[in-house]
Amino acid sequence: MPSLGPTELIIILVIVLLLFGVGRVSRIGGELGSAVANFRKGLDDGSKNKTEEIKEKNTPS
């Protein structure tokens, strides 16, 4: 399977900009960034909750 080089990536970027426009592409990028940030936050919250549950189970009453 051939890999994508810099020239191919630039061509793809130009086509995407022509299809969607600069404003829409930047908005999509921002939404994607916030989605990734929320996903990471959810992963961190889940691991904190799991750690707290383990500590509660191991603590004598």
N, C-alpha and C. Protein backbone atom coordinates (compact mmCIF):
# COMPACT_ATOMS: atom_id res chain seq x y z
N MET A 1 0.85 -1.17 0.00
CA MET A 1 0.00 0.00 0.00
C MET A 1 0.90 1.23 0.00
N PRO A 2 0.73 2.13 -0.96
CA PRO A 2 1.57 3.31 -1.03
C PRO A 2 1.24 4.31 0.08
N SER A 3 2.25 5.01 0.56
CA SER A 3 2.03 6.00 1.61
C SER A 3 1.78 7.37 0.98
N LEU A 4 1.19 8.26 1.76
CA LEU A 4 0.91 9.61 1.29
C LEU A 4 2.10 10.51 1.60
N GLY A 5 2.62 11.15 0.60
CA GLY A 5 3.72 12.07 0.77
C GLY A 5 3.21 13.49 0.94
N PRO A 6 4.11 14.45 1.12
CA PRO A 6 3.70 15.84 1.31
C PRO A 6 2.93 16.42 0.12
N THR A 7 3.31 16.04 -1.07
CA THR A 7 2.63 16.56 -2.26
C THR A 7 1.18 16.09 -2.30
N GLU A 8 0.94 14.83 -2.01
CA GLU A 8 -0.41 14.30 -2.02
C GLU A 8 -1.26 14.94 -0.93
N LEU A 9 -0.66 15.15 0.25
CA LEU A 9 -1.40 15.77 1.35
C LEU A 9 -1.79 17.21 1.01
N ILE A 10 -0.91 17.94 0.34
CA ILE A 10 -1.21 19.32 -0.05
C ILE A 10 -2.35 19.33 -1.07
N ILE A 11 -2.32 18.41 -2.01
CA ILE A 11 -3.39 18.32 -3.01
C ILE A 11 -4.73 18.01 -2.34
N ILE A 12 -4.73 17.10 -1.39
CA ILE A 12 -5.96 16.75 -0.67
C ILE A 12 -6.46 17.96 0.11
N LEU A 13 -5.57 18.70 0.76
CA LEU A 13 -5.95 19.88 1.52
C LEU A 13 -6.58 20.94 0.61
N VAL A 14 -6.00 21.17 -0.56
CA VAL A 14 -6.53 22.15 -1.50
C VAL A 14 -7.92 21.73 -1.96
N ILE A 15 -8.12 20.46 -2.26
CA ILE A 15 -9.43 19.99 -2.69
C ILE A 15 -10.46 20.17 -1.59
N VAL A 16 -10.09 19.85 -0.34
CA VAL A 16 -11.01 20.02 0.79
C VAL A 16 -11.37 21.49 0.96
N LEU A 17 -10.39 22.38 0.84
CA LEU A 17 -10.66 23.81 0.96
C LEU A 17 -11.59 24.29 -0.14
N LEU A 18 -11.41 23.80 -1.34
CA LEU A 18 -12.28 24.19 -2.45
C LEU A 18 -13.71 23.69 -2.25
N LEU A 19 -13.84 22.49 -1.71
CA LEU A 19 -15.18 21.92 -1.52
C LEU A 19 -15.94 22.57 -0.37
N PHE A 20 -15.27 22.79 0.74
CA PHE A 20 -15.96 23.24 1.95
C PHE A 20 -15.76 24.72 2.28
N GLY A 21 -14.68 25.32 1.86
CA GLY A 21 -14.39 26.70 2.21
C GLY A 21 -13.59 26.80 3.49
N VAL A 22 -12.89 27.92 3.64
CA VAL A 22 -11.99 28.09 4.78
C VAL A 22 -12.75 28.15 6.10
N GLY A 23 -13.86 28.86 6.13
CA GLY A 23 -14.62 29.01 7.38
C GLY A 23 -15.14 27.70 7.90
N ARG A 24 -15.67 26.90 7.01
CA ARG A 24 -16.25 25.63 7.44
C ARG A 24 -15.17 24.65 7.87
N VAL A 25 -14.03 24.65 7.18
CA VAL A 25 -12.93 23.75 7.55
C VAL A 25 -12.39 24.13 8.93
N SER A 26 -12.26 25.43 9.20
CA SER A 26 -11.76 25.83 10.52
C SER A 26 -12.75 25.48 11.62
N ARG A 27 -14.04 25.61 11.33
CA ARG A 27 -15.06 25.25 12.32
C ARG A 27 -15.03 23.74 12.59
N ILE A 28 -14.88 22.95 11.54
CA ILE A 28 -14.79 21.50 11.70
C ILE A 28 -13.56 21.14 12.52
N GLY A 29 -12.44 21.81 12.25
CA GLY A 29 -11.21 21.57 13.02
C GLY A 29 -11.38 21.90 14.49
N GLY A 30 -12.04 23.01 14.77
CA GLY A 30 -12.30 23.39 16.17
C GLY A 30 -13.19 22.40 16.88
N GLU A 31 -14.23 21.95 16.18
CA GLU A 31 -15.13 20.97 16.78
C GLU A 31 -14.43 19.64 17.01
N LEU A 32 -13.58 19.27 16.08
CA LEU A 32 -12.82 18.03 16.24
C LEU A 32 -11.87 18.13 17.44
N GLY A 33 -11.21 19.29 17.58
CA GLY A 33 -10.31 19.50 18.72
C GLY A 33 -11.04 19.43 20.05
N SER A 34 -12.22 20.06 20.12
CA SER A 34 -12.97 20.01 21.38
C SER A 34 -13.50 18.61 21.65
N ALA A 35 -13.83 17.87 20.61
CA ALA A 35 -14.28 16.49 20.80
C ALA A 35 -13.16 15.63 21.37
N VAL A 36 -11.95 15.80 20.85
CA VAL A 36 -10.81 15.04 21.36
C VAL A 36 -10.52 15.43 22.81
N ALA A 37 -10.61 16.72 23.13
CA ALA A 37 -10.38 17.17 24.50
C ALA A 37 -11.41 16.58 25.45
N ASN A 38 -12.68 16.56 25.04
CA ASN A 38 -13.72 15.97 25.89
C ASN A 38 -13.53 14.47 26.04
N PHE A 39 -13.09 13.80 25.00
CA PHE A 39 -12.83 12.37 25.08
C PHE A 39 -11.72 12.08 26.08
N ARG A 40 -10.64 12.85 26.02
CA ARG A 40 -9.54 12.67 26.97
C ARG A 40 -9.99 12.96 28.40
N LYS A 41 -10.80 14.00 28.56
CA LYS A 41 -11.32 14.33 29.89
C LYS A 41 -12.16 13.18 30.43
N GLY A 42 -12.98 12.59 29.55
CA GLY A 42 -13.79 11.45 29.96
C GLY A 42 -12.95 10.26 30.36
N LEU A 43 -11.87 10.02 29.64
CA LEU A 43 -10.98 8.93 30.00
C LEU A 43 -10.32 9.18 31.35
N ASP A 44 -9.89 10.41 31.59
CA ASP A 44 -9.27 10.75 32.88
C ASP A 44 -10.26 10.61 34.02
N ASP A 45 -11.51 11.08 33.82
CA ASP A 45 -12.52 10.97 34.86
C ASP A 45 -12.84 9.51 35.16
N GLY A 46 -12.88 8.70 34.13
CA GLY A 46 -13.17 7.27 34.32
C GLY A 46 -12.08 6.57 35.10
N SER A 47 -10.83 6.91 34.83
CA SER A 47 -9.74 6.27 35.55
C SER A 47 -9.68 6.76 37.00
N LYS A 48 -10.05 8.02 37.24
CA LYS A 48 -10.08 8.54 38.62
C LYS A 48 -11.17 7.85 39.41
N ASN A 49 -12.34 7.66 38.79
CA ASN A 49 -13.44 6.98 39.48
C ASN A 49 -13.07 5.54 39.79
N LYS A 50 -12.40 4.88 38.87
CA LYS A 50 -11.99 3.49 39.10
C LYS A 50 -10.99 3.42 40.25
N THR A 51 -10.05 4.37 40.30
CA THR A 51 -9.05 4.40 41.37
C THR A 51 -9.73 4.62 42.72
N GLU A 52 -10.72 5.53 42.76
CA GLU A 52 -11.43 5.78 44.00
C GLU A 52 -12.21 4.56 44.46
N GLU A 53 -12.82 3.82 43.52
CA GLU A 53 -13.55 2.62 43.88
C GLU A 53 -12.62 1.57 44.47
N ILE A 54 -11.45 1.42 43.91
CA ILE A 54 -10.48 0.44 44.41
C ILE A 54 -10.02 0.83 45.81
N LYS A 55 -9.77 2.12 46.03
CA LYS A 55 -9.34 2.56 47.36
C LYS A 55 -10.43 2.32 48.39
N GLU A 56 -11.69 2.57 48.01
CA GLU A 56 -12.81 2.36 48.94
C GLU A 56 -12.96 0.88 49.29
N LYS A 57 -12.74 0.01 48.34
CA LYS A 57 -12.88 -1.43 48.59
C LYS A 57 -11.76 -1.93 49.50
N ASN A 58 -10.56 -1.35 49.37
CA ASN A 58 -9.42 -1.82 50.14
C ASN A 58 -9.33 -1.16 51.52
N THR A 59 -10.11 -0.13 51.78
CA THR A 59 -10.08 0.55 53.07
C THR A 59 -10.98 -0.19 54.05
N PRO A 60 -10.43 -0.56 55.22
CA PRO A 60 -11.29 -1.26 56.21
C PRO A 60 -12.30 -0.29 56.81
N SER A 61 -13.50 -0.80 57.07
CA SER A 61 -14.57 0.06 57.61
C SER A 61 -14.52 0.12 59.11
